[in-house]
C-alpha cells in the first residue's frame, strides 16, 4: 500500500466507529450536553460541528428564534445552515466542513 492509501482521503467516512482516521485526529466520541426541558423552552437545535465551528449557541438562538416564530422550523433551520455556510466562506474561503442541522419547535409532543 502506498503512503497516500494508508490514510483516508478528503472524501473519507466520518461515521461513528470509523477508527481508521484516529491517527490523524478524527474522533468518534460526540460532544454531549444535557438540558432538562421546561415549558419556557421554545425550540431545540441539533447540529454538526460544521455549524458550531463559527456560530456559538447565542448566535444560533438569535438566528433561529425570530424566523421560527414567523416562518416555522424548516425556514429557521435553512437560515441557520446558510449562516453557517457564510461564516465558513468568510473564515476559510472555498473550504467548509459538513453543515447539518435540525430545528425542533417545542413543545413537539402532545399528551
Protein backbone atom coordinates (compact mmCIF):
# COMPACT_ATOMS: atom_id res chain seq x y z
CA UNK A 1 0.00 0.00 0.00
CA UNK A 2 1.37 3.42 -0.90
CA UNK A 3 1.57 6.12 1.81
CA UNK A 4 -1.26 8.03 0.17
CA UNK A 5 -3.51 4.97 0.50
CA UNK A 6 -2.71 4.35 4.20
CA UNK A 7 -4.79 7.27 5.44
CA UNK A 8 -8.28 8.31 4.42
CA UNK A 9 -8.56 10.94 1.71
CA UNK A 10 -10.68 14.04 1.50
CA UNK A 11 -13.88 12.04 0.90
CA UNK A 12 -13.37 9.81 3.96
CA UNK A 13 -16.18 8.44 6.06
CA UNK A 14 -16.80 10.24 9.34
CA UNK A 15 -19.18 7.68 10.79
CA UNK A 16 -19.19 6.74 14.44
CA UNK A 17 -16.85 3.84 14.90
CA UNK A 18 -14.63 4.75 11.94
CA UNK A 19 -11.31 4.33 13.72
CA UNK A 20 -9.06 4.31 10.63
CA UNK A 21 -8.73 8.11 10.90
CA UNK A 22 -7.88 8.16 14.62
CA UNK A 23 -4.13 8.69 13.96
CA UNK A 24 -4.87 11.98 12.18
CA UNK A 25 -7.23 13.34 14.83
CA UNK A 26 -10.71 12.15 13.83
CA UNK A 27 -12.61 11.00 16.91
CA UNK A 28 -15.85 9.05 17.14
CA UNK A 29 -16.76 10.42 20.57
CA UNK A 30 -19.51 13.04 20.27
CA UNK A 31 -19.62 16.14 22.45
CA UNK A 32 -22.80 15.90 24.51
CA UNK A 33 -24.58 18.31 26.82
CA UNK A 34 -27.73 17.75 28.81
CA UNK A 35 -30.61 20.12 29.46
CA UNK A 36 -33.90 19.34 31.15
CA UNK A 37 -36.70 20.78 29.03
CA UNK A 38 -39.05 23.25 30.67
CA UNK A 39 -42.31 24.83 29.48
CA UNK A 40 -40.37 28.03 28.63
CA UNK A 41 -38.11 26.25 26.10
CA UNK A 42 -39.23 27.27 22.60
CA UNK A 43 -37.02 25.15 20.37
CA UNK A 44 -34.13 22.71 20.16
CA UNK A 45 -31.19 22.88 17.75
CA UNK A 46 -29.30 19.68 16.91
CA UNK A 47 -26.32 20.43 14.69
CA UNK A 48 -22.98 19.11 13.49
CA UNK A 49 -19.64 20.73 14.22
CA UNK A 50 -19.86 22.49 10.86
CA UNK A 51 -22.50 24.75 12.40
CA UNK A 52 -20.79 25.22 15.78
CA UNK A 53 -17.31 25.94 14.38
CA UNK A 54 -18.09 29.64 13.79
CA UNK A 55 -21.54 30.10 15.38
CA UNK A 56 -21.90 30.00 19.16
CA UNK A 57 -25.11 28.98 20.94
CA UNK A 58 -26.38 32.53 21.49
CA UNK A 59 -25.81 33.48 17.86
CA UNK A 60 -27.69 30.35 16.76
CA UNK A 61 -30.58 31.34 19.04
CA UNK A 62 -30.55 34.86 17.61
CA UNK A 63 -30.69 33.45 14.06
CA UNK A 64 -33.37 30.81 14.68
CA UNK A 65 -35.81 32.41 17.16
CA UNK A 66 -37.31 35.25 15.09
CA UNK A 67 -37.56 33.15 11.93
CA UNK A 68 -39.09 30.20 13.80
CA UNK A 69 -41.84 32.42 15.21
CA UNK A 70 -42.73 33.95 11.84
CA UNK A 71 -41.98 31.18 9.31
CA UNK A 72 -41.57 27.86 11.14
CA UNK A 73 -38.81 25.35 11.87
CA UNK A 74 -37.88 24.47 8.28
CA UNK A 75 -37.19 28.07 7.28
CA UNK A 76 -35.38 28.75 10.58
CA UNK A 77 -33.18 25.70 10.06
CA UNK A 78 -32.41 26.75 6.49
CA UNK A 79 -31.41 30.22 7.69
CA UNK A 80 -29.06 28.68 10.30
CA UNK A 81 -27.44 26.41 7.69
CA UNK A 82 -26.99 29.32 5.27
CA UNK A 83 -25.48 31.47 8.04
CA UNK A 84 -23.04 28.68 8.92
CA UNK A 85 -22.04 28.35 5.27
CA UNK A 86 -21.44 32.09 5.03
CA UNK A 87 -19.26 32.05 8.16
CA UNK A 88 -17.19 29.22 6.65
CA UNK A 89 -16.73 31.27 3.45
CA UNK A 90 -15.64 34.31 5.48
CA UNK A 91 -13.15 32.31 7.56
CA UNK A 92 -11.95 29.55 5.23
CA UNK A 93 -12.72 30.59 1.67
CA UNK A 94 -13.79 27.67 -0.51
CA UNK A 95 -13.38 25.02 2.22
CA UNK A 96 -16.11 24.08 4.69
CA UNK A 97 -16.96 21.22 6.98
CA UNK A 98 -20.21 19.26 6.94
CA UNK A 99 -23.09 21.53 7.95
CA UNK A 100 -26.07 19.59 9.25
CA UNK A 101 -28.84 20.92 11.47
CA UNK A 102 -32.30 20.13 12.78
CA UNK A 103 -34.56 22.69 14.47
CA UNK A 104 -37.41 21.30 16.55
CA UNK A 105 -40.19 23.65 17.65
CA UNK A 106 -41.30 22.88 21.21
CA UNK A 107 -43.46 21.51 22.58
CA UNK A 108 -43.30 18.83 19.93
CA UNK A 109 -45.31 16.14 21.71
CA UNK A 110 -48.89 16.33 22.93
CA UNK A 111 -50.05 14.12 25.78
